[in-house]
Amino acid sequence: MNFTKDYFLKKYNFTDAELKENNISWETLNGIYNDFTDYINLYESQVDFIANTLRTHNKIHSVKARVKDAEHLVEKIIRKTPDRRKKYGDSFQFSVQNYKHEITDLIGVRAIHIFKEDWEDIHSFITNTWRVGEITANVREGDDTKRFEELNIAIQSRKSGYRSVHYLIESYPTNEKVIAEIQVRTIFEEGYGEIDHQLRYSHDQIPEVLALNLLLLNRIAGSSDEMASLINMLNRNWTDMEAKYENIIANKNKEIENLIGKIDKITSIETKDKQELLLSLNKIIMKDEFANLAEDLNKAF
């Protein structure tokens, strides 16, 4: 379908009066649309490169990636014009020359991980792989932000409970800089974020009953992250103990075999006495092992 003014205004519920009120030229919007359409292939190859690079990290569970739709770009430019004028002054205008630097999510990549504690490894990977212009940690009010503060990461508190760490990275597929946004979040944060996004785009204002349940879901998602981290820690401790005791038992078995061999070679002991000696030896060994196991379990849990 042709990108025409009437078609666009009707589809995205804008009016010609709104454009005039904000001093937005349709010719400029059309020029940005055409310019971005010309760059689509370059941006698509770049988003694939960024996504595939992230997929090489073993703590990243999955990656989603997209290039912004050209119509959605124009719609966002109209919405963001008042904000930019507050920032830069009333004379600010989006243009073909500046939109690629002002709209920072033309390329959007989302890296999803399982456990909250995996974030720091992913953070190091991103900051060591790309030139990062800006990092923002979106948190819920009351969240622990100590580690973000230690790393000098900007913190944005969200009443909605939205959690995600956003990175604006610089990439150079050509001589012209391309800015991409990488969002890093857990599986539970992803689930909540998707539901929150759908509700906010379905309603001009979320009904109170939905908003209350959305906050409840946010608490559940946060608790699920904490529970997943606890399970991960317990699993690591349990695995370490299993490996430790498998090694102990293997060494004990070897010692028993050596002792059995030595006892069998002793001719001055009756067969019955040998059996009683071996049985007593096994009881002592097993008693020591289970005592140590119980002590370690008490320490771990």
Protein backbone atom coordinates (compact mmCIF):
# COMPACT_ATOMS: atom_id res chain seq x y z
CA MET A 1 0.00 0.00 0.00
CA ASN A 2 1.21 3.51 -0.83
CA PHE A 3 2.31 5.60 2.15
CA THR A 4 -0.09 8.52 1.84
CA LYS A 5 -1.05 11.18 4.34
CA ASP A 6 -4.75 10.25 4.48
CA TYR A 7 -3.95 6.55 4.87
CA PHE A 8 -1.44 7.14 7.67
CA LEU A 9 -3.52 9.64 9.68
CA LYS A 10 -6.55 7.37 9.60
CA LYS A 11 -4.60 4.23 10.55
CA TYR A 12 -2.78 5.80 13.50
CA ASN A 13 -5.58 8.10 14.71
CA PHE A 14 -3.80 11.39 14.03
CA THR A 15 -5.36 14.51 12.54
CA ASP A 16 -3.99 17.10 10.17
CA ALA A 17 -4.66 19.66 12.92
CA GLU A 18 -2.29 17.81 15.28
CA LEU A 19 0.50 17.98 12.71
CA LYS A 20 -0.07 21.71 12.20
CA GLU A 21 -0.27 22.31 15.97
CA ASN A 22 3.12 20.66 16.43
CA ASN A 23 4.54 22.30 13.29
CA ILE A 24 5.26 18.91 11.73
CA SER A 25 5.61 18.86 7.96
CA TRP A 26 4.16 15.89 6.12
CA GLU A 27 6.84 16.33 3.48
CA THR A 28 9.48 15.82 6.19
CA LEU A 29 7.71 12.72 7.53
CA ASN A 30 7.43 11.32 4.02
CA GLY A 31 11.12 12.01 3.43
CA ILE A 32 12.08 10.17 6.64
CA TYR A 33 9.84 7.26 5.65
CA ASN A 34 11.50 6.97 2.23
CA ASP A 35 15.01 7.38 3.62
CA PHE A 36 14.49 4.68 6.26
CA THR A 37 12.97 2.35 3.67
CA ASP A 38 16.17 2.73 1.63
CA TYR A 39 18.22 1.66 4.68
CA ILE A 40 16.08 -1.34 5.64
CA ASN A 41 18.38 -3.97 4.07
CA LEU A 42 21.44 -2.53 5.83
CA TYR A 43 19.61 -2.46 9.17
CA GLU A 44 18.32 -6.01 8.74
CA SER A 45 21.83 -7.35 8.11
CA GLN A 46 23.08 -5.43 11.15
CA VAL A 47 20.35 -6.69 13.47
CA ASP A 48 21.16 -10.27 12.42
CA PHE A 49 24.84 -9.70 13.21
CA ILE A 50 24.11 -8.28 16.66
CA ALA A 51 21.61 -11.03 17.50
CA ASN A 52 23.93 -13.82 16.36
CA THR A 53 26.80 -12.31 18.37
CA LEU A 54 24.64 -12.35 21.50
CA ARG A 55 23.62 -15.95 20.83
CA THR A 56 27.25 -17.03 21.29
CA HIS A 57 27.04 -16.24 25.01
CA ASN A 58 26.24 -19.36 27.05
CA LYS A 59 24.19 -17.50 29.67
CA ILE A 60 21.76 -16.08 27.08
CA HIS A 61 18.77 -18.37 26.70
CA SER A 62 17.21 -16.79 23.61
CA VAL A 63 17.39 -13.67 21.46
CA LYS A 64 14.64 -11.70 19.73
CA ALA A 65 15.48 -9.08 17.14
CA ARG A 66 13.68 -6.70 14.81
CA VAL A 67 14.12 -3.60 12.68
CA LYS A 68 11.52 -0.93 13.36
CA ASP A 69 8.69 -0.77 10.89
CA ALA A 70 8.84 2.39 8.78
CA GLU A 71 5.24 3.39 9.56
CA HIS A 72 5.82 2.88 13.29
CA LEU A 73 8.90 5.06 12.99
CA VAL A 74 6.83 7.94 11.60
CA GLU A 75 4.17 7.40 14.28
CA LYS A 76 6.87 7.54 16.99
CA ILE A 77 8.40 10.69 15.53
CA ILE A 78 5.03 12.46 15.83
CA ARG A 79 4.61 11.27 19.43
CA LYS A 80 8.16 12.18 20.45
CA THR A 81 8.26 15.66 18.89
CA PRO A 82 6.85 17.45 22.00
CA ASP A 83 9.37 15.64 24.25
CA ARG A 84 12.29 16.58 22.03
CA ARG A 85 11.19 20.22 21.99
CA LYS A 86 11.18 20.21 25.80
CA LYS A 87 14.72 18.88 25.62
CA TYR A 88 16.16 20.95 22.77
CA GLY A 89 13.83 23.92 22.45
CA ASP A 90 10.72 24.85 20.49
CA SER A 91 12.61 25.09 17.21
CA PHE A 92 13.52 21.38 17.17
CA GLN A 93 12.37 19.39 14.17
CA PHE A 94 12.95 15.76 13.27
CA SER A 95 14.63 15.52 9.89
CA VAL A 96 16.22 13.05 7.49
CA GLN A 97 19.57 14.18 8.87
CA ASN A 98 18.89 13.61 12.59
CA TYR A 99 16.23 10.92 13.03
CA LYS A 100 18.75 8.02 13.01
CA HIS A 101 20.41 9.44 16.11
CA GLU A 102 17.29 10.66 17.87
CA ILE A 103 15.27 7.44 17.52
CA THR A 104 17.54 4.93 19.23
CA ASP A 105 15.51 1.75 18.76
CA LEU A 106 15.52 1.53 14.97
CA ILE A 107 17.32 -1.73 15.67
CA GLY A 108 15.94 -3.58 18.70
CA VAL A 109 17.42 -6.73 20.17
CA ARG A 110 16.24 -8.54 23.29
CA ALA A 111 18.52 -10.97 25.14
CA ILE A 112 16.66 -13.23 27.56
CA HIS A 113 18.37 -15.16 30.34
CA ILE A 114 17.08 -17.61 32.96
CA PHE A 115 18.62 -16.60 36.28
CA LYS A 116 18.95 -13.00 37.55
CA GLU A 117 22.56 -13.59 38.61
CA ASP A 118 23.51 -14.30 34.97
CA TRP A 119 22.96 -10.64 34.08
CA GLU A 120 26.40 -9.49 35.19
CA ASP A 121 28.22 -11.89 32.83
CA ILE A 122 26.00 -10.72 29.97
CA HIS A 123 26.62 -7.09 30.95
CA SER A 124 30.39 -7.63 30.75
CA PHE A 125 30.03 -9.34 27.37
CA ILE A 126 28.03 -6.46 25.89
CA THR A 127 30.30 -3.71 27.23
CA ASN A 128 33.42 -5.54 26.05
CA THR A 129 32.00 -6.31 22.59
CA TRP A 130 30.48 -2.97 21.57
CA ARG A 131 30.94 0.70 22.26
CA VAL A 132 28.09 1.43 24.67
CA GLY A 133 26.74 4.96 24.70
CA GLU A 134 24.13 4.59 27.42
CA ILE A 135 22.91 2.01 29.95
CA THR A 136 19.65 2.25 31.89
CA ALA A 137 18.37 -0.20 34.49
CA ASN A 138 14.58 -0.14 34.60
CA VAL A 139 13.49 -1.34 38.04
CA ARG A 140 10.41 -1.57 40.17
CA GLU A 141 10.13 0.77 43.16
CA GLY A 142 11.76 -0.96 46.12
CA ASP A 143 14.08 -3.20 44.09
CA ASP A 144 17.67 -3.64 45.24
CA THR A 145 19.73 -1.35 42.99
CA LYS A 146 23.08 -1.57 44.81
CA ARG A 147 24.92 -3.40 42.02
CA PHE A 148 23.66 -0.99 39.36
CA GLU A 149 24.87 1.92 41.48
CA GLU A 150 28.29 0.28 41.93
CA LEU A 151 28.59 -0.02 38.15
CA ASN A 152 27.45 3.62 37.63
CA ILE A 153 24.40 2.50 35.67
CA ALA A 154 21.51 4.98 35.41
CA ILE A 155 18.42 3.76 37.26
CA GLN A 156 14.86 4.44 36.20
CA SER A 157 12.14 3.45 38.67
CA ARG A 158 8.95 2.23 37.00
CA LYS A 159 5.65 2.27 38.88
CA SER A 160 4.36 -0.29 36.40
CA GLY A 161 6.97 -2.75 37.66
CA TYR A 162 8.68 -3.04 34.27
CA ARG A 163 12.18 -4.49 34.71
CA SER A 164 14.86 -4.61 32.02
CA VAL A 165 18.39 -3.31 31.47
CA HIS A 166 18.71 -1.30 28.24
CA TYR A 167 21.94 -0.70 26.33
CA LEU A 168 22.39 1.74 23.47
CA ILE A 169 25.29 0.40 21.43
CA GLU A 170 27.14 1.92 18.49
CA SER A 171 27.82 -0.11 15.39
CA TYR A 172 29.52 0.78 12.12
CA PRO A 173 28.38 -1.41 9.22
CA THR A 174 29.44 1.52 6.99
CA ASN A 175 31.09 4.88 7.68
CA GLU A 176 27.81 5.98 9.23
CA LYS A 177 27.18 5.10 12.88
CA VAL A 178 24.16 2.93 13.62
CA ILE A 179 22.62 2.95 17.10
CA ALA A 180 20.92 -0.21 18.34
CA GLU A 181 19.07 -0.93 21.56
CA ILE A 182 19.75 -4.18 23.42
CA GLN A 183 17.34 -5.11 26.18
CA VAL A 184 18.45 -7.72 28.72
CA ARG A 185 15.89 -9.36 31.01
CA THR A 186 14.96 -12.68 32.61
CA ILE A 187 12.37 -15.09 31.26
CA PHE A 188 9.91 -14.02 33.97
CA GLU A 189 10.53 -10.33 33.27
CA GLU A 190 9.96 -11.05 29.57
CA GLY A 191 6.62 -12.73 30.25
CA TYR A 192 5.40 -9.85 32.42
CA GLY A 193 6.72 -7.25 29.96
CA GLU A 194 4.88 -8.80 27.03
CA ILE A 195 1.57 -8.92 28.92
CA ASP A 196 2.02 -5.35 30.17
CA HIS A 197 2.81 -4.19 26.62
CA GLN A 198 -0.30 -5.82 25.16
CA LEU A 199 -2.57 -4.30 27.78
CA ARG A 200 -1.16 -0.80 27.38
CA TYR A 201 -1.59 -0.92 23.60
CA SER A 202 -5.12 -2.32 23.92
CA HIS A 203 -6.41 0.47 26.20
CA ASP A 204 -5.95 4.23 26.31
CA GLN A 205 -6.13 3.79 30.08
CA ILE A 206 -5.90 0.35 31.69
CA PRO A 207 -9.07 -0.44 33.70
CA GLU A 208 -8.42 -0.53 37.45
CA VAL A 209 -9.25 -4.22 37.81
CA LEU A 210 -6.66 -5.07 35.12
CA ALA A 211 -4.10 -2.69 36.60
CA LEU A 212 -4.40 -4.30 40.04
CA ASN A 213 -4.00 -7.79 38.63
CA LEU A 214 -1.09 -6.60 36.51
CA LEU A 215 0.69 -5.40 39.67
CA LEU A 216 -0.02 -8.77 41.28
CA LEU A 217 1.46 -10.52 38.26
CA ASN A 218 4.51 -8.28 38.55
CA ARG A 219 5.03 -9.35 42.17
CA ILE A 220 4.66 -12.99 41.17
CA ALA A 221 7.21 -12.53 38.37
CA GLY A 222 9.66 -10.92 40.82
CA SER A 223 9.12 -13.72 43.34
CA SER A 224 9.59 -16.29 40.57
CA ASP A 225 12.96 -14.75 39.73
CA GLU A 226 14.00 -14.99 43.38
CA MET A 227 12.78 -18.59 43.61
CA ALA A 228 14.61 -19.53 40.40
CA SER A 229 17.83 -18.05 41.78
CA LEU A 230 17.40 -20.00 45.03
CA ILE A 231 16.79 -23.24 43.13
CA ASN A 232 19.87 -22.54 41.01
CA MET A 233 22.01 -22.01 44.12
CA LEU A 234 20.70 -25.16 45.82
CA ASN A 235 21.27 -27.16 42.64
CA ARG A 236 24.88 -25.96 42.40
CA ASN A 237 25.52 -26.83 46.06
CA TRP A 238 23.88 -30.22 45.67
CA THR A 239 25.84 -30.99 42.51
CA ASP A 240 29.09 -30.00 44.22
CA MET A 241 28.31 -32.28 47.17
CA GLU A 242 27.37 -35.16 44.89
CA ALA A 243 30.69 -34.84 43.08
CA LYS A 244 32.54 -34.58 46.39
CA TYR A 245 30.98 -37.71 47.86
CA GLU A 246 31.23 -39.71 44.68
CA ASN A 247 34.96 -39.04 44.83
CA ILE A 248 35.09 -39.93 48.54
CA ILE A 249 33.20 -43.17 48.01
CA ALA A 250 35.41 -44.12 45.07
CA ASN A 251 38.51 -43.59 47.22
CA LYS A 252 37.00 -45.51 50.12
CA ASN A 253 36.09 -48.40 47.85
CA LYS A 254 39.65 -48.51 46.60
CA GLU A 255 40.92 -48.55 50.20
CA ILE A 256 38.51 -51.35 51.08
CA GLU A 257 39.66 -53.41 48.11
CA ASN A 258 43.27 -52.91 49.19
CA LEU A 259 42.46 -53.91 52.78
CA ILE A 260 40.51 -56.96 51.61
CA GLY A 261 43.47 -58.01 49.54
CA LYS A 262 45.81 -57.61 52.50
CA ILE A 263 43.47 -59.48 54.91
CA ASP A 264 43.04 -62.33 52.43
CA LYS A 265 46.79 -62.80 52.38
CA ILE A 266 46.93 -63.20 56.17
CA THR A 267 46.95 -66.94 56.94
CA SER A 268 47.04 -66.71 60.72
CA ILE A 269 43.40 -65.54 60.99
CA GLU A 270 40.42 -67.87 60.81
CA THR A 271 37.89 -67.33 58.00
CA LYS A 272 35.18 -66.38 60.48
CA ASP A 273 37.41 -63.79 62.09
CA LYS A 274 38.31 -62.37 58.70
CA GLN A 275 34.63 -61.91 57.84
CA GLU A 276 33.90 -60.22 61.17
CA LEU A 277 36.90 -57.95 60.66
CA LEU A 278 35.75 -56.92 57.18
CA LEU A 279 32.18 -56.34 58.35
CA SER A 280 33.36 -54.13 61.20
CA LEU A 281 35.59 -52.20 58.82
CA ASN A 282 32.70 -51.53 56.43
CA LYS A 283 30.45 -50.33 59.25
CA ILE A 284 33.08 -47.87 60.45
CA ILE A 285 33.69 -46.51 56.94
CA MET A 286 29.98 -46.04 56.19
CA LYS A 287 29.37 -44.44 59.57
CA ASP A 288 32.09 -41.86 58.90
CA GLU A 289 30.78 -41.09 55.40
CA PHE A 290 27.18 -40.53 56.47
CA ALA A 291 28.26 -38.43 59.43
CA ASN A 292 30.24 -36.17 57.08
CA LEU A 293 27.36 -36.05 54.60
CA ALA A 294 24.87 -35.02 57.30
CA GLU A 295 27.23 -32.31 58.53
CA ASP A 296 27.66 -30.86 55.01
CA LEU A 297 23.92 -30.93 54.34
CA ASN A 298 23.26 -29.00 57.54
CA LYS A 299 25.81 -26.37 56.53
CA ALA A 300 24.41 -26.01 52.99
CA PHE A 301 20.72 -25.85 53.81
